[in-house]
Amino acid sequence: MQVGDLVIDPERHRATRQGKDLQLTSQEFALLRYLAQHQGKVLSRTRLLENVWDMHHDPGTNVVDVYVSYLRAKVDKGFEPPLIHTIRGVGYILEAP
């Protein structure tokens, strides 16, 4: 899978950006993979919870926000352009310009 200069290899459990290895935990990789499988589509927190964590909506949890923050630090920080975007009040989207 590829989104801009981000390359995700699910079989090798590996992700690179501009040729640099991204050191992702298994949960970060699962979230990134799901976002990439649905690139260009806005995904709600509820949908991400259900499909990445196999949890039903819990309005008290911020696990999605925390992991998106972790991913941004590894996928977007130090690279241009950013690929992970927040759609306020709706969810997140992974897309290249």
N, C-alpha and C. Protein backbone atom coordinates (compact mmCIF):
# COMPACT_ATOMS: atom_id res chain seq x y z
N MET A 1 0.84 -1.17 0.00
CA MET A 1 0.00 0.00 0.00
C MET A 1 0.88 1.24 0.00
N GLN A 2 0.40 2.27 -0.68
CA GLN A 2 1.18 3.49 -0.73
C GLN A 2 0.25 4.70 -0.66
N VAL A 3 0.66 5.67 0.16
CA VAL A 3 -0.04 6.95 0.27
C VAL A 3 1.05 8.01 0.17
N GLY A 4 1.10 8.69 -0.97
CA GLY A 4 2.19 9.64 -1.18
C GLY A 4 3.52 8.92 -1.10
N ASP A 5 4.41 9.40 -0.24
CA ASP A 5 5.72 8.76 -0.08
C ASP A 5 5.76 7.78 1.10
N LEU A 6 4.59 7.47 1.64
CA LEU A 6 4.47 6.48 2.71
C LEU A 6 4.18 5.13 2.08
N VAL A 7 5.01 4.14 2.38
CA VAL A 7 4.83 2.79 1.85
C VAL A 7 4.60 1.84 3.02
N ILE A 8 3.53 1.06 2.93
CA ILE A 8 3.17 0.12 3.99
C ILE A 8 3.21 -1.28 3.40
N ASP A 9 4.00 -2.14 4.03
CA ASP A 9 4.13 -3.53 3.60
C ASP A 9 3.54 -4.42 4.69
N PRO A 10 2.26 -4.79 4.57
CA PRO A 10 1.61 -5.58 5.62
C PRO A 10 2.25 -6.95 5.86
N GLU A 11 2.75 -7.57 4.80
CA GLU A 11 3.34 -8.91 4.96
C GLU A 11 4.61 -8.88 5.79
N ARG A 12 5.38 -7.79 5.66
CA ARG A 12 6.62 -7.67 6.42
C ARG A 12 6.45 -6.83 7.68
N HIS A 13 5.20 -6.35 7.89
CA HIS A 13 4.88 -5.50 9.05
C HIS A 13 5.86 -4.34 9.12
N ARG A 14 5.95 -3.63 7.99
CA ARG A 14 6.94 -2.58 7.85
C ARG A 14 6.32 -1.37 7.16
N ALA A 15 6.72 -0.19 7.62
CA ALA A 15 6.28 1.05 6.98
C ALA A 15 7.48 1.96 6.82
N THR A 16 7.54 2.64 5.67
CA THR A 16 8.63 3.58 5.41
C THR A 16 8.05 4.88 4.88
N ARG A 17 8.76 5.96 5.14
CA ARG A 17 8.39 7.26 4.58
C ARG A 17 9.66 7.86 4.02
N GLN A 18 9.61 8.24 2.76
CA GLN A 18 10.78 8.75 2.05
C GLN A 18 11.97 7.79 2.21
N GLY A 19 11.68 6.50 2.23
CA GLY A 19 12.71 5.48 2.33
C GLY A 19 13.21 5.21 3.73
N LYS A 20 12.73 5.94 4.73
CA LYS A 20 13.18 5.75 6.12
C LYS A 20 12.21 4.86 6.86
N ASP A 21 12.75 3.86 7.56
CA ASP A 21 11.92 2.95 8.35
C ASP A 21 11.23 3.70 9.47
N LEU A 22 9.95 3.42 9.64
CA LEU A 22 9.19 3.96 10.76
C LEU A 22 9.08 2.88 11.81
N GLN A 23 9.50 3.17 13.00
CA GLN A 23 9.46 2.20 14.09
C GLN A 23 8.10 2.26 14.76
N LEU A 24 7.19 1.38 14.33
CA LEU A 24 5.82 1.39 14.83
C LEU A 24 5.54 0.19 15.72
N THR A 25 4.75 0.41 16.75
CA THR A 25 4.27 -0.71 17.57
C THR A 25 3.23 -1.47 16.76
N SER A 26 2.84 -2.64 17.20
CA SER A 26 1.86 -3.41 16.45
C SER A 26 0.51 -2.68 16.38
N GLN A 27 0.13 -1.97 17.43
CA GLN A 27 -1.14 -1.25 17.42
C GLN A 27 -1.07 -0.02 16.51
N GLU A 28 0.05 0.67 16.52
CA GLU A 28 0.24 1.80 15.61
C GLU A 28 0.19 1.33 14.16
N PHE A 29 0.84 0.19 13.90
CA PHE A 29 0.84 -0.35 12.55
C PHE A 29 -0.58 -0.73 12.12
N ALA A 30 -1.34 -1.35 13.03
CA ALA A 30 -2.71 -1.73 12.71
C ALA A 30 -3.56 -0.51 12.37
N LEU A 31 -3.40 0.56 13.13
CA LEU A 31 -4.14 1.79 12.86
C LEU A 31 -3.72 2.40 11.52
N LEU A 32 -2.43 2.47 11.28
CA LEU A 32 -1.94 3.02 10.02
C LEU A 32 -2.42 2.20 8.83
N ARG A 33 -2.38 0.90 8.98
CA ARG A 33 -2.83 0.02 7.90
C ARG A 33 -4.32 0.24 7.60
N TYR A 34 -5.12 0.35 8.65
CA TYR A 34 -6.56 0.56 8.45
C TYR A 34 -6.81 1.91 7.77
N LEU A 35 -6.12 2.95 8.24
CA LEU A 35 -6.25 4.26 7.60
C LEU A 35 -5.85 4.19 6.12
N ALA A 36 -4.77 3.47 5.83
CA ALA A 36 -4.29 3.36 4.45
C ALA A 36 -5.27 2.56 3.58
N GLN A 37 -5.87 1.54 4.15
CA GLN A 37 -6.85 0.75 3.39
C GLN A 37 -8.06 1.60 3.00
N HIS A 38 -8.28 2.67 3.76
CA HIS A 38 -9.42 3.55 3.50
C HIS A 38 -8.95 4.97 3.19
N GLN A 39 -7.78 5.06 2.57
CA GLN A 39 -7.21 6.39 2.30
C GLN A 39 -8.19 7.25 1.50
N GLY A 40 -8.17 8.53 1.86
CA GLY A 40 -9.05 9.48 1.21
C GLY A 40 -10.45 9.51 1.78
N LYS A 41 -10.73 8.65 2.78
CA LYS A 41 -12.05 8.60 3.40
C LYS A 41 -11.92 9.03 4.86
N VAL A 42 -12.87 9.83 5.31
CA VAL A 42 -12.89 10.24 6.71
C VAL A 42 -13.43 9.08 7.55
N LEU A 43 -12.65 8.69 8.56
CA LEU A 43 -13.03 7.58 9.44
C LEU A 43 -13.33 8.12 10.83
N SER A 44 -14.49 7.80 11.34
CA SER A 44 -14.88 8.27 12.67
C SER A 44 -14.10 7.52 13.75
N ARG A 45 -14.04 8.12 14.92
CA ARG A 45 -13.40 7.47 16.06
C ARG A 45 -14.09 6.14 16.37
N THR A 46 -15.41 6.13 16.28
CA THR A 46 -16.17 4.91 16.56
C THR A 46 -15.78 3.80 15.59
N ARG A 47 -15.69 4.14 14.32
CA ARG A 47 -15.32 3.12 13.31
C ARG A 47 -13.91 2.60 13.57
N LEU A 48 -12.99 3.51 13.92
CA LEU A 48 -11.62 3.09 14.21
C LEU A 48 -11.58 2.20 15.45
N LEU A 49 -12.32 2.56 16.50
CA LEU A 49 -12.37 1.73 17.71
C LEU A 49 -12.87 0.33 17.39
N GLU A 50 -13.94 0.26 16.60
CA GLU A 50 -14.55 -1.03 16.28
C GLU A 50 -13.65 -1.90 15.41
N ASN A 51 -12.95 -1.28 14.46
CA ASN A 51 -12.20 -2.07 13.48
C ASN A 51 -10.73 -2.27 13.81
N VAL A 52 -10.14 -1.39 14.58
CA VAL A 52 -8.72 -1.54 14.93
C VAL A 52 -8.57 -2.15 16.32
N TRP A 53 -9.44 -1.75 17.25
CA TRP A 53 -9.34 -2.25 18.63
C TRP A 53 -10.42 -3.27 18.98
N ASP A 54 -11.37 -3.50 18.06
CA ASP A 54 -12.48 -4.42 18.30
C ASP A 54 -13.25 -4.04 19.56
N MET A 55 -13.45 -2.73 19.72
CA MET A 55 -14.19 -2.20 20.87
C MET A 55 -15.42 -1.48 20.33
N HIS A 56 -16.48 -1.50 21.14
CA HIS A 56 -17.64 -0.72 20.78
C HIS A 56 -17.47 0.68 21.35
N HIS A 57 -18.19 1.61 20.79
CA HIS A 57 -18.03 3.02 21.17
C HIS A 57 -18.06 3.21 22.68
N ASP A 58 -17.05 3.87 23.19
CA ASP A 58 -16.98 4.25 24.59
C ASP A 58 -16.67 5.73 24.63
N PRO A 59 -17.67 6.56 24.93
CA PRO A 59 -17.45 8.00 24.88
C PRO A 59 -16.38 8.49 25.86
N GLY A 60 -15.99 7.65 26.80
CA GLY A 60 -14.99 8.06 27.79
C GLY A 60 -13.56 7.76 27.38
N THR A 61 -13.35 7.08 26.27
CA THR A 61 -11.99 6.72 25.89
C THR A 61 -11.41 7.68 24.86
N ASN A 62 -10.13 7.93 24.97
CA ASN A 62 -9.46 8.77 23.98
C ASN A 62 -8.34 7.98 23.30
N VAL A 63 -8.45 6.65 23.31
CA VAL A 63 -7.40 5.80 22.76
C VAL A 63 -7.11 6.11 21.29
N VAL A 64 -8.14 6.41 20.52
CA VAL A 64 -7.93 6.72 19.10
C VAL A 64 -7.11 8.00 18.97
N ASP A 65 -7.48 9.02 19.72
CA ASP A 65 -6.76 10.30 19.66
C ASP A 65 -5.30 10.13 20.08
N VAL A 66 -5.08 9.34 21.11
CA VAL A 66 -3.71 9.09 21.59
C VAL A 66 -2.89 8.40 20.52
N TYR A 67 -3.43 7.36 19.91
CA TYR A 67 -2.67 6.62 18.90
C TYR A 67 -2.49 7.42 17.61
N VAL A 68 -3.45 8.25 17.26
CA VAL A 68 -3.26 9.12 16.09
C VAL A 68 -2.12 10.09 16.38
N SER A 69 -2.04 10.57 17.61
CA SER A 69 -0.94 11.46 18.00
C SER A 69 0.40 10.74 17.89
N TYR A 70 0.45 9.48 18.36
CA TYR A 70 1.68 8.68 18.23
C TYR A 70 2.07 8.53 16.76
N LEU A 71 1.06 8.22 15.92
CA LEU A 71 1.34 8.04 14.49
C LEU A 71 1.84 9.33 13.85
N ARG A 72 1.22 10.44 14.19
CA ARG A 72 1.67 11.72 13.62
C ARG A 72 3.13 11.99 13.97
N ALA A 73 3.52 11.66 15.20
CA ALA A 73 4.90 11.87 15.62
C ALA A 73 5.87 11.03 14.80
N LYS A 74 5.42 9.88 14.33
CA LYS A 74 6.31 8.99 13.58
C LYS A 74 6.15 9.11 12.06
N VAL A 75 4.95 9.37 11.59
CA VAL A 75 4.67 9.39 10.15
C VAL A 75 4.82 10.79 9.57
N ASP A 76 4.41 11.82 10.30
CA ASP A 76 4.39 13.17 9.76
C ASP A 76 5.52 14.07 10.25
N LYS A 77 5.95 13.89 11.49
CA LYS A 77 6.97 14.78 12.05
C LYS A 77 8.28 14.65 11.27
N GLY A 78 8.76 15.78 10.78
CA GLY A 78 10.00 15.79 10.01
C GLY A 78 9.83 15.51 8.53
N PHE A 79 8.59 15.29 8.11
CA PHE A 79 8.30 15.02 6.70
C PHE A 79 7.27 16.03 6.20
N GLU A 80 7.33 16.30 4.93
CA GLU A 80 6.34 17.17 4.28
C GLU A 80 5.83 16.47 3.05
N PRO A 81 4.59 16.58 2.74
CA PRO A 81 3.52 17.21 3.49
C PRO A 81 2.96 16.24 4.53
N PRO A 82 2.23 16.74 5.52
CA PRO A 82 1.59 15.83 6.47
C PRO A 82 0.53 14.99 5.76
N LEU A 83 0.38 13.75 6.20
CA LEU A 83 -0.57 12.83 5.57
C LEU A 83 -1.79 12.54 6.44
N ILE A 84 -1.66 12.69 7.75
CA ILE A 84 -2.76 12.40 8.67
C ILE A 84 -3.44 13.71 9.04
N HIS A 85 -4.73 13.76 8.79
CA HIS A 85 -5.48 14.99 9.03
C HIS A 85 -6.68 14.73 9.92
N THR A 86 -7.01 15.72 10.74
CA THR A 86 -8.19 15.67 11.59
C THR A 86 -9.31 16.43 10.90
N ILE A 87 -10.46 15.83 10.85
CA ILE A 87 -11.66 16.51 10.38
C ILE A 87 -12.48 16.75 11.64
N ARG A 88 -12.43 17.99 12.11
CA ARG A 88 -13.04 18.34 13.39
C ARG A 88 -14.48 17.86 13.51
N GLY A 89 -14.75 17.19 14.62
CA GLY A 89 -16.09 16.71 14.90
C GLY A 89 -16.50 15.47 14.13
N VAL A 90 -15.60 14.98 13.27
CA VAL A 90 -15.95 13.83 12.44
C VAL A 90 -14.98 12.67 12.67
N GLY A 91 -13.68 12.89 12.45
CA GLY A 91 -12.71 11.81 12.60
C GLY A 91 -11.39 12.14 11.94
N TYR A 92 -10.77 11.13 11.34
CA TYR A 92 -9.43 11.27 10.76
C TYR A 92 -9.43 10.76 9.33
N ILE A 93 -8.45 11.29 8.57
CA ILE A 93 -8.29 10.87 7.18
C ILE A 93 -6.78 10.78 6.89
N LEU A 94 -6.39 9.79 6.13
CA LEU A 94 -5.02 9.64 5.65
C LEU A 94 -5.06 9.88 4.15
N GLU A 95 -4.36 10.94 3.72
CA GLU A 95 -4.33 11.22 2.29
C GLU A 95 -3.13 12.08 1.93
N ALA A 96 -2.68 11.90 0.72
CA ALA A 96 -1.59 12.72 0.17
C ALA A 96 -2.24 13.79 -0.69
N PRO A 97 -1.64 14.98 -0.71
CA PRO A 97 -2.21 16.06 -1.54
C PRO A 97 -2.12 15.76 -3.02
